[in-house]
């Protein structure tokens, strides 16, 4: 795959190196040529000075052959503008933008532009460790009506099968993590102490899901 990245800060440079390690080709765009030093001497991709919403810069990056585009500069407006230009002008469907303002992130998600809200994500992660209860959203569909959540589960559910949990909570459990490893469960998978449970749920059913799993099983 060929991936174009706008922004060669800490996130962009780490992303570029990670993609190369996985065998993908990378072009990275930044206004500051000194930023490319973060890529290290072994970087084999293209580094282009400019902004990621400029047509000529994007053409130099190989956007016409790109399989994906990530806008991870330090500016929300620049990231969203670049993401929209790449999607609407060059018809690259696999686009993601980093956004600091969580309010803006929700708006653009509803417009179909996947976003990573940096501040909201960091706050959620800290909150999850301070108050391990309720649920924390990991993904929402563009309409905002369905989400994937990591949900706190009372220890009294330990020993129950995933099928029993799904039936009691009226939801789907697409995966769990156990000792840091992801597991796609089947109906016979038994929920163990220390497991983290992830549920796919409609927004209007989230409160009911939390209530069920934070309480002991009724049977």
Protein backbone atom coordinates (compact mmCIF):
# COMPACT_ATOMS: atom_id res chain seq x y z
CA UNK A 1 0.00 0.00 0.00
CA UNK A 2 1.04 3.61 -0.56
CA UNK A 3 0.17 5.97 2.29
CA UNK A 4 0.46 9.77 2.33
CA UNK A 5 0.90 11.55 5.66
CA UNK A 6 0.53 15.26 6.36
CA UNK A 7 2.55 16.32 9.39
CA UNK A 8 6.01 15.11 10.38
CA UNK A 9 5.76 15.70 14.10
CA UNK A 10 6.07 12.93 16.67
CA UNK A 11 2.88 11.23 15.52
CA UNK A 12 3.51 11.55 11.79
CA UNK A 13 7.14 10.44 11.93
CA UNK A 14 6.31 7.42 14.12
CA UNK A 15 3.45 6.54 11.81
CA UNK A 16 5.71 6.78 8.75
CA UNK A 17 8.38 4.55 10.26
CA UNK A 18 5.80 2.06 11.45
CA UNK A 19 4.25 1.81 7.99
CA UNK A 20 7.65 1.27 6.38
CA UNK A 21 8.46 -1.49 8.83
CA UNK A 22 5.28 -3.21 7.65
CA UNK A 23 6.42 -3.01 4.04
CA UNK A 24 4.32 -0.07 2.84
CA UNK A 25 5.52 2.90 0.80
CA UNK A 26 5.15 6.32 2.43
CA UNK A 27 5.18 9.96 1.43
CA UNK A 28 5.18 12.57 4.20
CA UNK A 29 4.38 16.27 3.88
CA UNK A 30 5.42 19.11 6.19
CA UNK A 31 6.05 22.83 5.94
CA UNK A 32 9.23 22.58 8.02
CA UNK A 33 12.02 20.67 6.30
CA UNK A 34 13.81 20.27 9.64
CA UNK A 35 10.89 18.12 10.78
CA UNK A 36 12.00 15.38 8.38
CA UNK A 37 15.02 14.73 10.62
CA UNK A 38 12.63 12.83 12.88
CA UNK A 39 12.35 10.16 10.19
CA UNK A 40 15.95 9.05 10.67
CA UNK A 41 18.56 8.09 8.08
CA UNK A 42 16.87 4.81 7.13
CA UNK A 43 13.62 6.35 5.88
CA UNK A 44 13.17 5.36 2.23
CA UNK A 45 9.97 7.23 1.40
CA UNK A 46 9.35 10.66 -0.06
CA UNK A 47 9.45 13.82 2.06
CA UNK A 48 7.75 16.85 0.48
CA UNK A 49 7.84 20.44 1.74
CA UNK A 50 4.42 22.06 1.64
CA UNK A 51 0.87 21.76 2.93
CA UNK A 52 -1.31 18.72 2.49
CA UNK A 53 -4.21 20.53 0.88
CA UNK A 54 -2.13 21.98 -1.98
CA UNK A 55 -2.86 20.12 -5.23
CA UNK A 56 0.71 20.21 -6.55
CA UNK A 57 2.14 19.03 -3.25
CA UNK A 58 -0.34 16.18 -3.13
CA UNK A 59 0.51 15.16 -6.69
CA UNK A 60 4.22 15.05 -5.78
CA UNK A 61 3.33 12.78 -2.87
CA UNK A 62 1.72 10.25 -5.18
CA UNK A 63 -1.81 10.90 -3.97
CA UNK A 64 -3.31 9.63 -7.22
CA UNK A 65 -1.99 6.15 -6.43
CA UNK A 66 -2.48 6.39 -2.65
CA UNK A 67 -4.39 3.77 -0.69
CA UNK A 68 -4.72 6.00 2.37
CA UNK A 69 -4.14 9.50 3.74
CA UNK A 70 -3.51 10.60 7.33
CA UNK A 71 -3.68 14.28 8.33
CA UNK A 72 -1.80 14.52 11.65
CA UNK A 73 -0.40 18.04 11.66
CA UNK A 74 -0.81 20.30 14.71
CA UNK A 75 -3.70 22.28 13.18
CA UNK A 76 -7.32 21.11 13.23
CA UNK A 77 -8.33 23.32 10.30
CA UNK A 78 -5.42 22.16 8.15
CA UNK A 79 -6.10 18.52 8.94
CA UNK A 80 -9.78 18.70 8.07
CA UNK A 81 -9.20 20.77 4.93
CA UNK A 82 -6.55 18.34 3.70
CA UNK A 83 -8.76 15.33 4.49
CA UNK A 84 -11.66 16.80 2.53
CA UNK A 85 -9.48 17.74 -0.46
CA UNK A 86 -7.98 14.26 -0.62
CA UNK A 87 -11.37 12.56 -0.31
CA UNK A 88 -13.38 14.84 -2.59
CA UNK A 89 -10.80 15.81 -5.23
CA UNK A 90 -8.66 12.68 -5.42
CA UNK A 91 -11.37 10.23 -4.29
CA UNK A 92 -9.21 8.52 -1.67
CA UNK A 93 -11.74 6.85 0.62
CA UNK A 94 -9.32 5.70 3.34
CA UNK A 95 -8.75 9.03 5.10
CA UNK A 96 -8.28 9.91 8.76
CA UNK A 97 -7.68 13.25 10.50
CA UNK A 98 -6.33 14.06 13.94
CA UNK A 99 -8.45 16.65 15.73
CA UNK A 100 -7.76 18.33 19.07
CA UNK A 101 -11.24 19.82 19.51
CA UNK A 102 -13.63 16.95 20.43
CA UNK A 103 -16.65 19.00 19.35
CA UNK A 104 -15.25 19.33 15.85
CA UNK A 105 -14.34 15.65 15.81
CA UNK A 106 -17.97 14.67 16.33
CA UNK A 107 -19.12 16.98 13.54
CA UNK A 108 -16.64 15.58 11.02
CA UNK A 109 -17.35 11.99 12.03
CA UNK A 110 -20.99 12.63 11.13
CA UNK A 111 -19.81 13.94 7.75
CA UNK A 112 -18.05 10.63 7.17
CA UNK A 113 -14.47 11.75 7.89
CA UNK A 114 -12.93 9.41 10.49
CA UNK A 115 -11.14 11.41 13.18
CA UNK A 116 -8.88 10.78 16.15
CA UNK A 117 -9.70 13.32 18.87
CA UNK A 118 -6.38 13.51 20.71
CA UNK A 119 -7.54 15.35 23.82
CA UNK A 120 -10.70 13.26 24.22
CA UNK A 121 -8.76 10.02 23.73
CA UNK A 122 -6.14 10.95 26.34
CA UNK A 123 -8.80 12.08 28.83
CA UNK A 124 -10.76 8.86 28.29
CA UNK A 125 -7.68 6.74 28.90
CA UNK A 126 -6.79 8.55 32.13
CA UNK A 127 -10.41 8.45 33.32
CA UNK A 128 -10.59 4.74 32.58
CA UNK A 129 -7.66 4.08 34.88
CA UNK A 130 -8.88 6.40 37.63
CA UNK A 131 -12.48 5.18 37.56
CA UNK A 132 -12.70 1.67 36.08
CA UNK A 133 -16.48 1.59 35.85
CA UNK A 134 -19.14 2.18 33.22
CA UNK A 135 -17.89 2.13 29.63
CA UNK A 136 -15.52 4.02 27.38
CA UNK A 137 -16.16 4.43 23.64
CA UNK A 138 -13.48 3.08 21.31
CA UNK A 139 -15.27 3.61 17.99
CA UNK A 140 -18.50 5.13 16.71
CA UNK A 141 -20.06 4.82 13.29
CA UNK A 142 -20.32 8.07 11.28
CA UNK A 143 -24.02 8.50 12.15
CA UNK A 144 -23.21 8.34 15.86
CA UNK A 145 -25.88 5.71 16.53
CA UNK A 146 -23.69 2.64 17.14
CA UNK A 147 -20.51 2.32 19.14
CA UNK A 148 -17.87 -0.17 20.24
CA UNK A 149 -17.15 0.17 23.96
CA UNK A 150 -14.83 -1.26 26.55
CA UNK A 151 -17.26 -1.99 29.36
CA UNK A 152 -16.61 -2.60 33.04
CA UNK A 153 -17.85 -6.02 34.09
CA UNK A 154 -18.57 -7.05 37.69
CA UNK A 155 -16.33 -9.88 38.93
CA UNK A 156 -19.43 -11.98 39.59
CA UNK A 157 -19.63 -12.54 35.82
CA UNK A 158 -16.37 -14.52 35.95
CA UNK A 159 -17.11 -18.11 35.00
CA UNK A 160 -20.03 -17.22 32.75
CA UNK A 161 -19.80 -17.94 29.05
CA UNK A 162 -19.83 -15.20 26.44
CA UNK A 163 -23.14 -16.61 25.21
CA UNK A 164 -24.65 -16.10 28.66
CA UNK A 165 -23.32 -12.55 28.87
CA UNK A 166 -24.64 -11.68 25.40
CA UNK A 167 -28.07 -13.05 26.26
CA UNK A 168 -28.27 -11.23 29.59
CA UNK A 169 -27.02 -7.91 28.19
CA UNK A 170 -28.83 -8.19 24.83
CA UNK A 171 -25.67 -7.21 22.99
CA UNK A 172 -22.84 -8.67 20.91
CA UNK A 173 -19.36 -9.28 22.31
CA UNK A 174 -17.05 -9.15 19.26
CA UNK A 175 -13.84 -9.60 21.25
CA UNK A 176 -12.19 -9.66 24.65
CA UNK A 177 -8.60 -9.10 25.74
CA UNK A 178 -6.90 -11.56 28.05
CA UNK A 179 -3.38 -10.96 29.40
CA UNK A 180 -2.88 -8.33 26.72
CA UNK A 181 -3.97 -10.60 23.85
CA UNK A 182 -7.11 -10.14 21.80
CA UNK A 183 -9.53 -13.06 21.56
CA UNK A 184 -12.51 -13.44 19.24
CA UNK A 185 -14.82 -15.48 21.47
CA UNK A 186 -17.29 -18.16 20.54
CA UNK A 187 -20.41 -19.07 22.48
CA UNK A 188 -18.49 -21.43 24.76
CA UNK A 189 -15.70 -18.98 25.69
CA UNK A 190 -15.68 -18.47 29.46
CA UNK A 191 -15.18 -14.97 30.88
CA UNK A 192 -12.14 -15.05 33.19
CA UNK A 193 -10.88 -12.81 35.96
CA UNK A 194 -8.84 -9.96 34.45
CA UNK A 195 -10.50 -10.14 31.02
CA UNK A 196 -11.55 -6.89 29.35
CA UNK A 197 -14.85 -7.09 27.54
CA UNK A 198 -15.79 -5.11 24.43
CA UNK A 199 -19.38 -4.71 23.32
CA UNK A 200 -21.07 -3.46 20.15
CA UNK A 201 -24.13 -1.48 21.20
CA UNK A 202 -26.64 1.09 19.94
CA UNK A 203 -26.43 4.41 21.79
CA UNK A 204 -29.92 4.11 23.24
CA UNK A 205 -29.07 0.74 24.83
CA UNK A 206 -25.74 1.77 26.39
CA UNK A 207 -27.10 2.66 29.84
CA UNK A 208 -28.98 -0.63 30.05
CA UNK A 209 -25.83 -2.54 29.05
CA UNK A 210 -23.74 -0.83 31.73
CA UNK A 211 -26.42 -1.49 34.35
CA UNK A 212 -26.57 -5.21 33.54
CA UNK A 213 -22.82 -5.83 33.48
CA UNK A 214 -22.04 -3.77 36.59
CA UNK A 215 -24.52 -5.91 38.57
CA UNK A 216 -24.31 -9.59 39.49
CA UNK A 217 -25.92 -12.05 37.08
CA UNK A 218 -29.57 -12.73 37.88
CA UNK A 219 -29.09 -16.43 37.20
